[in-house]
Amino acid sequence: MTSNYEDALFRDARVKNTSKTGNLLKANEYEVIGSSKISLEDNDLDDVKILLKKDANDNLKEIKFMCSCGQTKSILLDYGESGANSE
């Protein structure tokens, strides 16, 4: 596998109005919720690309497997302590 990792930060945004139709968003219709780094690793033998999405602190947030046939599978990672028992 080869890694084409860039340290560029991309903004994550959320659309405020879900009833919106069309492809155009105005500035007041979305909010920036964070930033992330994106890495794409290519496996030539299996025709599967692996997209790694990290937050600004290099914590892995999402792993997406993309097949050359067009199917994708994602694993989302949540580092919150909401379900952890601290006893």
Protein backbone atom coordinates (compact mmCIF):
# COMPACT_ATOMS: atom_id res chain seq x y z
CA MET A 1 0.00 0.00 0.00
CA THR A 2 1.18 3.47 -0.78
CA SER A 3 0.19 6.43 1.36
CA ASN A 4 -0.47 9.89 -0.06
CA TYR A 5 -0.89 11.69 3.26
CA GLU A 6 -1.15 15.46 3.23
CA ASP A 7 -1.26 17.62 6.35
CA ALA A 8 -3.90 19.93 4.91
CA LEU A 9 -6.89 20.60 7.17
CA PHE A 10 -10.40 20.43 5.72
CA ARG A 11 -13.42 21.99 7.42
CA ASP A 12 -16.30 19.74 8.48
CA ALA A 13 -19.67 21.41 8.03
CA ARG A 14 -23.24 20.62 8.97
CA VAL A 15 -26.28 21.93 7.06
CA LYS A 16 -28.73 23.70 9.38
CA ASN A 17 -31.83 23.39 7.18
CA THR A 18 -32.55 19.78 6.15
CA SER A 19 -35.58 20.67 3.98
CA LYS A 20 -33.28 22.47 1.52
CA THR A 21 -33.26 21.16 -2.05
CA GLY A 22 -30.58 21.80 -4.63
CA ASN A 23 -26.80 21.99 -4.53
CA LEU A 24 -26.24 25.60 -3.51
CA LEU A 25 -25.68 26.56 0.15
CA LYS A 26 -25.65 30.10 1.46
CA ALA A 27 -23.37 31.13 4.33
CA ASN A 28 -26.20 31.21 6.88
CA GLU A 29 -27.39 27.68 5.99
CA TYR A 30 -24.43 25.74 7.39
CA GLU A 31 -22.10 25.76 10.37
CA VAL A 32 -18.49 24.64 10.64
CA ILE A 33 -18.26 21.89 13.27
CA GLY A 34 -14.55 21.08 13.15
CA SER A 35 -11.65 20.26 10.91
CA SER A 36 -10.09 17.04 9.68
CA LYS A 37 -7.12 15.61 7.81
CA ILE A 38 -7.75 13.17 4.99
CA SER A 39 -5.43 10.37 3.87
CA LEU A 40 -5.96 8.04 0.91
CA GLU A 41 -4.20 4.68 0.77
CA ASP A 42 -4.37 2.65 -2.42
CA ASN A 43 -4.10 -1.15 -2.56
CA ASP A 44 -3.45 -2.10 -6.19
CA LEU A 45 -3.89 -5.84 -5.63
CA ASP A 46 -7.49 -5.76 -4.33
CA ASP A 47 -8.76 -2.61 -6.10
CA VAL A 48 -9.76 -1.22 -2.70
CA LYS A 49 -8.95 2.31 -1.59
CA ILE A 50 -8.87 3.16 2.10
CA LEU A 51 -9.72 6.70 3.15
CA LEU A 52 -8.59 7.71 6.65
CA LYS A 53 -10.17 10.79 8.18
CA LYS A 54 -8.49 12.29 11.26
CA ASP A 55 -9.29 15.30 13.41
CA ALA A 56 -6.88 18.21 13.90
CA ASN A 57 -5.21 16.31 16.79
CA ASP A 58 -4.49 13.23 14.59
CA ASN A 59 -7.22 11.12 16.26
CA LEU A 60 -8.73 8.72 13.73
CA LYS A 61 -12.43 9.55 13.18
CA GLU A 62 -13.46 7.48 10.16
CA ILE A 63 -12.19 4.61 8.04
CA LYS A 64 -13.86 4.25 4.65
CA PHE A 65 -13.25 1.31 2.30
CA MET A 66 -13.99 2.11 -1.35
CA CYS A 67 -14.16 -0.72 -3.89
CA SER A 68 -13.52 -0.14 -7.59
CA CYS A 69 -17.06 -1.48 -8.20
CA GLY A 70 -18.49 1.61 -6.44
CA GLN A 71 -19.49 0.14 -3.08
CA THR A 72 -18.26 1.76 0.13
CA LYS A 73 -18.22 0.70 3.77
CA SER A 74 -17.42 3.07 6.64
CA ILE A 75 -16.34 2.66 10.24
CA LEU A 76 -16.97 5.73 12.42
CA LEU A 77 -14.98 6.05 15.64
CA ASP A 78 -16.30 7.99 18.64
CA TYR A 79 -13.87 8.75 21.45
CA GLY A 80 -16.52 10.16 23.77
CA GLU A 81 -16.76 8.81 27.30
CA SER A 82 -20.55 8.73 27.39
CA GLY A 83 -20.73 4.92 27.58
CA ALA A 84 -17.62 4.33 29.67
CA ASN A 85 -17.88 3.22 33.29
CA SER A 86 -15.31 5.03 35.47
CA GLU A 87 -15.66 2.85 38.58
